Protein backbone atom coordinates (compact mmCIF):
# COMPACT_ATOMS: atom_id res chain seq x y z
CA MET A 1 -28.77 25.09 -7.16
CA LEU A 2 -26.82 28.29 -7.52
CA GLN A 3 -25.05 28.74 -10.85
CA VAL A 4 -23.05 31.89 -10.17
CA ILE A 5 -21.83 32.95 -6.74
CA GLY A 6 -20.44 36.29 -5.77
CA GLN A 7 -20.25 37.58 -9.34
CA ILE A 8 -20.69 41.27 -8.69
CA VAL A 9 -20.07 43.22 -5.52
CA LYS A 10 -20.27 46.83 -6.54
CA GLN A 11 -21.55 50.21 -5.55
CA ASN A 12 -24.03 52.23 -7.55
CA VAL A 13 -24.32 55.87 -6.78
CA ALA A 14 -27.86 57.14 -7.28
CA LYS A 15 -27.56 60.50 -8.88
CA THR A 16 -30.86 62.36 -9.03
CA THR A 17 -31.86 65.99 -9.17
CA PRO A 18 -32.89 67.68 -5.91
CA GLY A 19 -36.39 68.16 -7.21
CA LYS A 20 -36.94 64.55 -8.08
CA ASN A 21 -37.24 61.92 -5.37
CA ALA A 22 -36.00 64.39 -2.81
CA HIS A 23 -36.20 61.76 -0.10
CA ARG A 24 -33.08 60.17 -1.58
CA SER A 25 -29.56 61.29 -0.96
CA ILE A 26 -27.13 61.86 -3.80
CA ASP A 27 -24.63 59.71 -1.87
CA ASN A 28 -26.97 56.73 -1.59
CA LYS A 29 -25.10 53.46 -1.71
CA VAL A 30 -26.48 50.34 -3.39
CA ILE A 31 -24.80 46.94 -3.11
CA GLU A 32 -26.17 44.31 -5.43
CA LEU A 33 -25.37 40.64 -5.23
CA PHE A 34 -26.59 38.73 -8.22
CA PHE A 35 -27.08 34.96 -7.98
CA GLY A 36 -27.85 33.01 -11.16
CA HIS A 37 -30.33 30.17 -11.01
CA ARG A 38 -31.76 27.86 -13.66
CA ASN A 39 -34.67 26.48 -11.68
CA SER A 40 -37.83 28.18 -12.89
CA ALA A 41 -39.62 27.10 -9.73
CA CYS A 42 -37.41 29.55 -7.86
CA ARG A 43 -38.58 32.54 -9.90
CA ARG A 44 -40.31 34.41 -7.17
CA SER A 45 -39.75 37.49 -5.07
CA CYS A 46 -39.33 37.25 -1.32
CA LEU A 47 -41.21 40.51 -0.93
CA ASN A 48 -43.45 40.10 -3.98
CA HIS A 49 -41.54 42.93 -5.63
CA GLU A 50 -41.08 42.62 -9.38
CA ILE A 51 -37.90 44.11 -10.76
CA GLY A 52 -38.54 42.62 -14.16
CA GLY A 53 -36.13 42.90 -17.03
CA ARG A 54 -34.33 46.05 -16.06
CA GLU A 55 -30.63 46.37 -16.54
CA PRO A 56 -28.40 46.19 -13.46
CA ASN A 57 -28.02 49.95 -13.24
CA GLU A 58 -31.80 50.31 -13.10
CA VAL A 59 -32.41 47.94 -10.24
CA HIS A 60 -31.91 50.48 -7.52
CA GLU A 61 -34.33 52.93 -9.16
CA THR A 62 -37.33 50.75 -8.41
CA VAL A 63 -38.15 50.27 -4.76
CA PRO A 64 -41.25 49.15 -2.89
CA THR A 65 -43.88 51.67 -2.04
CA GLU A 66 -43.01 51.47 1.61
CA LEU A 67 -39.74 53.23 0.84
CA GLN A 68 -41.51 56.24 -0.59
CA ARG A 69 -41.27 58.06 2.70
CA THR A 70 -39.38 61.14 3.68
CA GLU A 71 -37.60 59.73 6.71
CA PRO A 72 -34.35 57.85 6.16
CA GLN A 73 -34.56 54.09 5.81
CA LYS A 74 -32.03 51.80 7.38
CA HIS A 75 -30.55 48.59 6.13
CA ARG A 76 -33.36 46.97 4.19
CA ILE A 77 -32.75 43.98 1.94
CA TYR A 78 -35.06 43.31 -1.01
CA VAL A 79 -34.89 40.25 -3.19
CA GLY A 80 -36.20 40.66 -6.69
CA GLU A 81 -36.19 38.68 -9.93
CA ARG A 82 -34.57 39.51 -13.27
CA HIS A 83 -34.66 37.57 -16.51
CA HIS A 84 -31.31 38.71 -17.95
CA GLY A 85 -28.62 36.13 -17.15
CA LEU A 86 -25.28 37.29 -15.88
CA GLY A 87 -23.43 34.00 -16.28
CA ALA A 88 -21.80 32.35 -19.25
CA ASP A 89 -25.20 31.06 -20.34
CA SER A 90 -27.79 33.80 -20.65
CA SER A 91 -30.57 31.69 -22.13
CA GLY A 92 -34.20 32.60 -21.57
CA ASP A 93 -34.79 30.17 -18.71
CA ALA A 94 -31.89 31.50 -16.68
CA THR A 95 -32.95 33.62 -13.72
CA ASP A 96 -30.87 36.02 -11.67
CA PHE A 97 -31.83 37.25 -8.24
CA ALA A 98 -30.86 40.74 -7.16
CA ILE A 99 -30.33 41.27 -3.48
CA VAL A 100 -30.39 45.01 -2.97
CA TRP A 101 -29.14 46.66 0.17
CA ARG A 102 -29.94 50.33 0.57
CA ASP A 103 -28.77 52.82 3.09
CA GLU A 104 -30.54 56.14 2.87
CA ARG A 105 -27.84 57.81 4.93
CA HIS A 106 -24.97 59.75 3.41
CA SER A 107 -22.40 57.02 4.14
CA CYS A 108 -22.37 53.28 4.63
CA ASP A 109 -21.89 51.86 8.11
CA ARG A 110 -18.72 49.70 8.02
CA LEU A 111 -20.31 47.19 10.38
CA ASP A 112 -23.20 46.65 7.98
CA ILE A 113 -20.85 46.24 5.04
CA MET A 114 -19.00 43.58 7.03
CA LYS A 115 -22.30 41.79 7.63
CA ILE A 116 -22.92 41.64 3.88
CA PHE A 117 -19.50 40.13 3.22
CA ILE A 118 -19.94 37.62 6.07
CA VAL A 119 -23.21 36.44 4.48
CA LEU A 120 -21.45 36.14 1.13
CA ALA A 121 -18.63 34.11 2.72
CA ILE A 122 -21.10 31.70 4.36
CA VAL A 123 -22.99 31.12 1.11
CA THR A 124 -19.74 30.66 -0.83
CA THR A 125 -18.51 28.09 1.71
CA TYR A 126 -21.80 26.18 1.41
CA VAL A 127 -21.66 26.15 -2.37
CA PHE A 128 -18.09 24.81 -2.53
CA ALA A 129 -18.64 22.33 0.29
CA TYR A 130 -21.54 20.66 -1.50
CA GLY A 131 -19.98 20.63 -4.93
CA VAL A 132 -22.22 23.18 -6.61
CA PRO A 133 -20.86 24.03 -10.09
CA VAL A 134 -19.41 27.48 -10.46
CA GLY A 135 -19.86 29.55 -13.61
CA ALA A 136 -17.09 31.19 -15.57
CA ALA A 137 -18.08 34.66 -14.38
CA THR A 138 -17.69 33.57 -10.77
CA VAL A 139 -14.21 32.16 -11.35
CA ALA A 140 -13.11 35.55 -12.62
CA THR A 141 -14.27 37.36 -9.47
CA ALA A 142 -14.16 34.83 -6.64
CA LYS A 143 -11.25 32.54 -5.76
CA LEU A 144 -11.29 29.62 -3.35
CA THR A 145 -8.22 29.28 -1.20
CA ALA A 146 -7.86 25.60 -0.31
CA SER A 147 -5.74 24.46 2.55
CA SER A 148 -5.08 21.00 3.88
CA ARG A 149 -3.40 19.71 6.97
CA THR A 150 0.18 18.64 6.40
CA LEU A 151 0.66 14.89 6.76
CA ASP A 152 2.97 13.88 9.56
CA GLY A 153 5.82 11.37 9.31
CA GLU A 154 3.80 8.40 10.54
CA GLU A 155 1.04 8.99 8.00
CA LEU A 156 3.55 9.35 5.17
CA LEU A 157 5.20 6.08 6.18
CA ARG A 158 1.84 4.30 6.12
CA ILE A 159 1.07 5.61 2.64
CA GLY A 160 4.49 4.46 1.48
CA ASP A 161 3.86 1.03 3.00
CA ILE A 162 0.63 0.70 0.99
CA HIS A 163 2.64 1.17 -2.22
CA GLU A 164 5.48 -1.05 -1.00
CA VAL A 165 3.32 -4.11 -0.32
CA GLN A 166 2.10 -3.82 -3.92
CA HIS A 167 5.73 -3.60 -5.11
CA HIS A 168 5.12 -0.06 -6.36
CA TRP A 169 8.67 0.98 -5.52
CA GLN A 170 8.67 4.16 -7.60
CA GLU A 171 5.55 5.41 -5.80
CA ALA A 172 6.63 4.34 -2.31
CA LEU A 173 10.04 6.06 -2.28
CA PRO A 174 8.80 9.71 -2.40
CA TYR A 175 6.56 9.13 0.62
CA TYR A 176 9.45 7.67 2.61
CA GLN A 177 11.60 10.63 1.61
CA ARG A 178 8.91 13.07 2.75
CA ALA A 179 8.53 11.13 5.99
CA LEU A 180 12.28 11.44 6.55
CA SER A 181 12.06 15.22 6.13
CA ALA A 182 9.11 15.40 8.51
CA PHE A 183 10.91 13.37 11.17
CA ARG A 184 14.08 15.44 10.77
CA GLU A 185 12.08 18.62 11.22
CA LYS A 186 10.75 17.23 14.51
CA ARG A 187 14.20 15.84 15.44
CA ASN A 188 12.66 12.38 15.78
CA ARG A 189 15.67 10.06 15.50
CA LYS A 190 13.67 6.84 15.65
CA GLY A 191 11.38 8.09 12.91
CA GLU A 192 14.41 9.02 10.79
CA THR A 193 15.84 5.53 11.27
CA ARG A 194 12.62 3.85 10.18
CA ALA A 195 12.27 6.07 7.12
CA LEU A 196 15.89 5.48 6.07
CA LEU A 197 15.49 1.73 6.61
CA LYS A 198 12.47 1.64 4.32
CA MET A 199 14.19 3.82 1.72
CA SER A 200 17.20 1.49 1.62
CA HIS A 201 14.90 -1.50 1.13
CA VAL A 202 13.10 0.17 -1.79
CA LEU A 203 16.38 1.20 -3.41
CA MET A 204 17.65 -2.36 -3.07
CA GLN A 205 14.49 -3.70 -4.73
CA GLN A 206 15.00 -1.20 -7.56
CA GLY A 207 18.51 -2.53 -8.08
CA LYS A 208 20.14 0.73 -6.98
CA LEU A 209 22.53 -1.07 -4.67
CA ASP A 210 25.11 1.69 -4.30
CA ASP A 211 22.42 4.19 -3.35
CA ALA A 212 20.89 1.61 -1.01
CA LEU A 213 24.24 1.11 0.71
CA THR A 214 24.73 4.86 1.17
CA THR A 215 21.22 5.18 2.61
CA VAL A 216 21.57 2.25 5.00
CA ASN A 217 24.91 3.57 6.25
CA GLU A 218 23.16 6.82 7.13
CA CYS A 219 20.47 4.72 8.80
CA VAL A 220 23.07 2.93 10.94
CA ARG A 221 24.58 6.27 11.93
CA VAL A 222 21.24 7.79 12.93
CA ALA A 223 20.16 4.60 14.73
CA SER A 224 23.27 4.73 16.92
CA ALA A 225 21.97 8.01 18.38
CA THR A 226 18.66 6.44 19.46
CA ARG A 227 20.19 4.12 22.06
CA ASP A 228 17.62 1.56 20.87
CA SER A 229 19.59 -1.67 20.53
CA LYS A 230 16.91 -3.48 18.56
CA MET A 231 16.54 -0.65 16.05
CA GLN A 232 20.31 -0.47 15.61
CA ALA A 233 20.43 -4.23 15.03
CA GLN A 234 17.69 -4.04 12.39
CA ALA A 235 19.64 -1.36 10.53
CA LEU A 236 22.77 -3.54 10.62
CA VAL A 237 20.87 -6.56 9.28
CA GLN A 238 19.65 -4.44 6.38
CA ARG A 239 23.21 -3.30 5.71
CA GLY A 240 24.32 -6.94 5.69
CA LEU A 241 21.69 -7.83 3.09
CA ILE A 242 22.75 -5.01 0.79
CA ALA A 243 26.43 -5.88 1.29
CA GLU A 244 25.69 -9.47 0.28
CA ALA A 245 23.98 -8.29 -2.89
CA LEU A 246 27.06 -6.20 -3.67
CA GLU A 247 29.34 -9.17 -3.01
CA HIS A 248 30.87 -7.36 -0.02
CA GLY A 249 31.24 -10.45 2.13
CA GLY A 250 33.41 -8.80 4.77
CA LEU A 251 30.97 -5.97 5.38
CA ALA A 252 28.05 -8.41 5.50
CA ARG A 253 29.86 -10.54 8.07
CA THR A 254 30.70 -7.66 10.43
CA SER A 255 27.17 -6.26 10.08
CA TYR A 256 25.58 -9.57 11.12
CA GLU A 257 28.04 -10.05 13.99
CA GLU A 258 27.24 -6.60 15.39
CA ALA A 259 23.52 -7.19 14.87
CA GLN A 260 23.65 -10.48 16.78
CA HIS A 261 25.36 -8.75 19.73
CA LEU A 262 22.79 -5.92 19.77
CA PHE A 263 19.83 -8.33 19.58
CA GLU A 264 21.29 -10.18 22.57
CA LYS A 265 21.61 -6.88 24.41
CA ALA A 266 17.96 -6.10 23.64
CA HIS A 267 16.88 -9.62 24.77
CA ASP A 268 15.30 -10.22 21.36
CA GLY A 269 15.44 -13.99 20.87
CA GLU A 270 14.02 -14.00 17.34
CA GLY A 271 16.43 -11.30 16.27
CA VAL A 272 19.39 -13.29 17.64
CA ILE A 273 18.32 -16.39 15.69
CA ASP A 274 17.79 -14.41 12.49
CA ALA A 275 21.22 -12.73 12.73
CA ARG A 276 22.84 -16.07 13.49
CA ILE A 277 21.27 -17.68 10.41
CA ARG A 278 22.50 -14.88 8.17
CA LEU A 279 25.98 -14.92 9.69
CA GLY A 280 26.26 -18.71 9.37
CA SER A 281 25.26 -18.55 5.70
CA VAL A 282 27.90 -15.87 4.99
CA LEU A 283 30.62 -17.87 6.75
CA ALA A 284 29.72 -20.98 4.75
CA ARG A 285 29.92 -19.05 1.46
CA GLN A 286 33.29 -17.64 2.47
CA GLY A 287 34.64 -21.16 2.88
CA GLU A 288 34.33 -21.45 6.67
CA LEU A 289 32.00 -24.40 6.27
CA ASP A 290 32.33 -25.95 9.71
CA ALA A 291 31.87 -22.66 11.59
CA GLY A 292 28.98 -21.64 9.34
CA LEU A 293 27.21 -24.99 9.63
CA ALA A 294 27.58 -24.97 13.41
CA LEU A 295 25.91 -21.53 13.66
CA LEU A 296 23.11 -22.58 11.33
CA GLN A 297 22.39 -25.78 13.21
CA GLN A 298 22.40 -23.92 16.53
CA ALA A 299 19.95 -21.37 15.12
CA TYR A 300 17.70 -24.16 13.83
CA GLN A 301 17.64 -25.86 17.25
CA ASP A 302 16.86 -22.57 19.02
CA ALA A 303 14.02 -21.93 16.58
CA GLN A 304 12.65 -25.41 17.25
CA GLN A 305 12.72 -24.84 21.02
CA GLN A 306 10.81 -21.57 20.61
CA SER A 307 8.42 -23.06 18.00
CA LEU A 308 9.44 -20.44 15.45
CA LEU A 309 8.48 -22.22 12.24
CA ALA A 310 9.50 -19.45 9.86
CA LEU A 311 12.99 -19.24 11.35
CA GLN A 312 13.37 -23.03 11.23
CA MET A 313 12.60 -22.85 7.53
CA ALA A 314 14.99 -19.89 7.09
CA ALA A 315 17.90 -21.91 8.51
CA LEU A 316 17.43 -24.88 6.18
CA PRO A 317 18.76 -23.35 2.91
CA GLY A 318 22.09 -22.52 4.56
CA ILE A 319 22.28 -25.91 6.26
CA GLY A 320 21.59 -27.71 2.99
CA GLN A 321 24.09 -25.61 1.05
CA ALA A 322 26.81 -26.14 3.65
CA GLN A 323 26.16 -29.90 3.60
CA LEU A 324 26.37 -29.83 -0.18
CA GLU A 325 29.72 -28.02 -0.07
CA LEU A 326 30.94 -30.65 2.40
CA GLU A 327 29.84 -33.26 -0.18
CA HIS A 328 27.09 -34.58 2.07
CA SER A 329 24.55 -34.68 -0.75
CA ASP A 330 22.02 -36.85 1.07
CA ALA A 331 21.98 -34.53 4.09
CA ALA A 332 21.67 -31.56 1.75
CA ARG A 333 18.72 -33.11 -0.09
CA ARG A 334 16.94 -33.84 3.21
CA ALA A 335 17.38 -30.24 4.31
CA PHE A 336 16.08 -28.86 1.01
CA GLU A 337 13.11 -31.22 0.86
CA ASP A 338 12.25 -30.46 4.49
CA GLY A 339 12.38 -26.77 3.73
CA LEU A 340 10.23 -27.15 0.59
CA ALA A 341 7.56 -29.01 2.57
CA ARG A 342 7.58 -26.36 5.32
CA ALA A 343 7.38 -23.53 2.78
CA HIS A 344 4.45 -25.19 1.03
CA GLY A 345 2.68 -25.70 4.36
CA LEU A 346 3.21 -22.07 5.37
CA GLN A 347 2.24 -20.93 1.83
CA ASP A 348 5.48 -18.99 1.59
CA LEU A 349 5.88 -18.77 -2.17
CA LYS A 350 9.24 -17.07 -2.08
CA GLN A 351 10.80 -19.70 0.16
CA GLU A 352 9.14 -22.42 -1.89
CA ALA A 353 10.82 -20.95 -4.98
CA LEU A 354 14.17 -20.86 -3.19
CA PHE A 355 14.05 -24.53 -2.13
CA SER A 356 12.87 -25.56 -5.60
CA MET A 357 15.92 -23.86 -7.07
CA ARG A 358 18.28 -25.48 -4.54
CA LEU A 359 16.87 -28.91 -5.36
CA ALA A 360 17.20 -28.13 -9.10
CA ARG A 361 20.89 -27.37 -8.61
CA LEU A 362 21.26 -30.60 -6.64
CA ASN A 363 19.68 -32.53 -9.50
CA GLN A 364 22.01 -30.79 -11.93
CA SER A 365 25.01 -32.04 -9.99
CA SER A 366 23.56 -35.57 -10.08
CA GLN A 367 23.01 -35.34 -13.86
CA ASP A 368 19.22 -35.47 -13.56
CA PHE A 369 18.64 -32.60 -15.96
CA LYS A 370 14.96 -33.28 -16.70
CA GLU A 371 13.94 -33.19 -13.02
CA GLY A 372 16.19 -30.19 -12.54
CA ARG A 373 14.45 -28.28 -15.35
CA GLN A 374 11.03 -29.03 -13.86
CA LEU A 375 12.12 -27.71 -10.47
CA ALA A 376 13.80 -24.65 -12.04
CA GLN A 377 10.65 -23.94 -14.07
CA ARG A 378 8.63 -24.19 -10.86
CA SER A 379 10.91 -21.71 -9.11
CA LEU A 380 10.65 -19.35 -12.10
CA MET A 381 6.85 -19.31 -11.95
CA LEU A 382 6.86 -18.79 -8.17
CA TYR A 383 9.31 -15.91 -8.35
CA GLN A 384 7.22 -14.32 -11.08
CA ALA A 385 4.14 -14.73 -8.89
CA VAL A 386 5.75 -12.83 -6.01
CA ARG A 387 7.34 -10.31 -8.42
CA ASP A 388 10.87 -11.13 -7.33
CA ARG A 389 12.81 -10.07 -10.42
CA LEU A 390 16.20 -11.13 -9.07
CA GLY A 391 14.88 -14.60 -8.24
CA GLU A 392 13.27 -14.70 -11.69
CA ALA A 393 16.61 -13.88 -13.33
CA ASP A 394 18.43 -16.52 -11.26
CA SER A 395 15.85 -19.13 -12.30
CA LEU A 396 16.27 -18.20 -15.97
CA SER A 397 20.04 -18.47 -15.65
CA LEU A 398 19.74 -21.91 -14.03
CA LEU A 399 17.38 -23.06 -16.78
CA GLY A 400 19.88 -21.88 -19.39
CA THR A 401 22.63 -23.94 -17.77
CA LEU A 402 20.39 -27.01 -17.50
CA TYR A 403 19.43 -26.75 -21.19
CA LEU A 404 23.10 -26.40 -22.10
CA ASN A 405 23.93 -29.50 -20.03
CA ASP A 406 21.25 -31.30 -22.01
CA LYS A 407 22.86 -30.06 -25.28
CA ASP A 408 19.99 -27.73 -26.23
CA GLU A 409 22.06 -24.67 -27.17
CA ASP A 410 19.17 -22.64 -28.63
CA GLN A 411 17.07 -22.87 -25.44
CA ALA A 412 20.17 -22.25 -23.35
CA LEU A 413 20.97 -19.05 -25.26
CA THR A 414 17.37 -17.82 -25.04
CA HIS A 415 17.21 -18.25 -21.25
CA HIS A 416 20.65 -16.76 -20.62
CA GLN A 417 19.78 -13.72 -22.73
CA ARG A 418 16.52 -13.22 -20.79
CA ALA A 419 18.46 -13.49 -17.53
CA LEU A 420 20.99 -10.95 -18.81
CA GLU A 421 18.23 -8.46 -19.63
CA LEU A 422 16.85 -8.72 -16.10
CA TYR A 423 20.25 -8.41 -14.43
CA ARG A 424 20.93 -5.29 -16.46
CA ALA A 425 17.54 -3.83 -15.57
CA LEU A 426 18.30 -4.53 -11.91
CA ARG A 427 21.82 -3.08 -12.30
CA HIS A 428 23.28 -6.22 -10.75
CA ARG A 429 26.65 -6.06 -12.46
CA ALA A 430 28.17 -9.15 -10.86
CA ARG A 431 25.39 -11.38 -12.13
CA GLU A 432 25.39 -9.52 -15.44
CA ALA A 433 29.04 -10.50 -15.88
CA GLY A 434 28.12 -14.10 -15.02
CA SER A 435 25.39 -14.12 -17.67
CA LEU A 436 27.78 -12.77 -20.29
CA THR A 437 30.20 -15.57 -19.43
CA ASN A 438 27.39 -18.15 -19.79
CA ILE A 439 26.41 -16.69 -23.16
CA GLY A 440 30.04 -16.86 -24.27
CA ILE A 441 30.10 -20.58 -23.39
CA VAL A 442 26.98 -21.16 -25.50
CA TYR A 443 28.58 -19.35 -28.45
CA GLU A 444 31.62 -21.62 -28.12
CA ARG A 445 29.37 -24.68 -28.20
CA GLN A 446 27.81 -23.27 -31.36
CA ALA A 447 31.28 -22.76 -32.88
CA LEU A 448 30.85 -18.98 -32.92
CA SER A 449 34.31 -18.12 -31.62
CA PRO A 450 34.35 -14.39 -32.59
CA LEU A 451 31.07 -13.79 -30.74
CA ALA A 452 32.29 -15.84 -27.79
CA GLN A 453 35.53 -13.82 -27.52
CA GLU A 454 33.66 -10.53 -27.78
CA THR A 455 31.23 -11.60 -25.05
CA TYR A 456 34.04 -12.77 -22.76
CA GLY A 457 35.72 -9.38 -23.26
CA LYS A 458 32.56 -7.59 -22.10
CA ALA A 459 32.38 -9.80 -19.03
CA ILE A 460 36.03 -9.13 -18.13
CA SER A 461 35.61 -5.35 -18.53
CA LEU A 462 32.52 -5.41 -16.34
CA LEU A 463 34.27 -7.42 -13.63
CA GLN A 464 37.21 -5.01 -13.64
CA SER A 465 34.85 -2.05 -13.31
CA LEU A 466 33.03 -3.83 -10.50
CA SER A 467 36.30 -4.50 -8.66
CA GLU A 468 37.28 -0.82 -8.85
CA SER A 469 33.84 0.27 -7.68
CA SER A 470 33.96 -2.22 -4.82
CA SER A 471 37.34 -0.92 -3.64
CA SER A 472 36.03 2.66 -3.77
CA SER A 473 32.91 1.75 -1.81
CA MET A 474 34.82 -0.14 0.87
CA SER A 475 37.21 2.77 1.36
CA ARG A 476 34.33 4.76 2.85
CA PHE A 477 33.99 2.43 5.87
């Protein structure tokens, strides 16, 4: 294989006296291309012409006998062998080939010079294409200009998706941002909407809820220009989810209501059911239990008629919670147990974790703390398996409360502190304030009043800051 490529492209001017070698011209041009090689089997001359160990400036002085003629010679190439290495390693077994081009005329033909450089370019391309190592001398004289085709928006989205499914949020976000720029350059509104939607999801998973809300609002704005009702509805559903995480119940409610209308306009039955489930759950949490339960039950029946098992399961947590708020504990337990069985059958670990937690809370209210801890521990392991850090923190918080109910203050404090660390890492300030309050309660049980008061003070300050931030955020809509 070639060790050095394109090291020397130079001109040697043969200067001789008129009486010596008169057949030569003083303006003779010599172009030498030296290629280093380590393979001794290649030490041969294409024309059986030995150049031997001469120095580079002597190579052109020795020519085959056939050149010893008085008439001008045109464009001959001779390949000889030298034993003085030109590369970084000039050991004895290194061999350099000299390709000598002579023109016995007074000036070089530009066309012929171009031919030489074309040959050099072809050989260089071959060497780099097949991974031949390049010596240090070559790097100093020959540079490879690499170019690659720019990835389009669709390709960048797919690369981001590969990172997203592995929960590599930090790696996925830059690809979505680049995809957004690519789509904007092409004025592709639908592409922009998809990129913004994915960016808002990643930011939400990273706990950057304010940034996620800003991004999804931009997504809603861009989606409105697409005249694609389904795409607009999907953006609104995402905004509702982020608003729920930020405790912006009013914004979540209006987002789901608008999404339901747009899904109906797009004749998307599954989308209508999904929006209805989310809206019913929000209404129930806001105290409109009857209206929320009615929407959830309607969504469940529609999902049954269309054999949409996943949506049936999605409606059950809200139905169970609404029944629990209405003090229909038996109906709530049936809904949660039904949902847990469906989640297990569908191998949906996240939903299985959710129903385990709901049943744990139900057991807490019925004073069955041991069964509640087992279910909460199960939900913790499932959330950890699916890398849901928010669900993991909620499970730890529930375990802390269950241990405190069972008068195990040390375990309660440990679990609440672990939950607090996760909420802080996720920047979920509302739940962080809740964890601080729980820790303050534990300190009171341990008769550590100064620590309890200090912790309560931190929780109050955080809630006040959250209230001010919430008012500022809502003023933008």
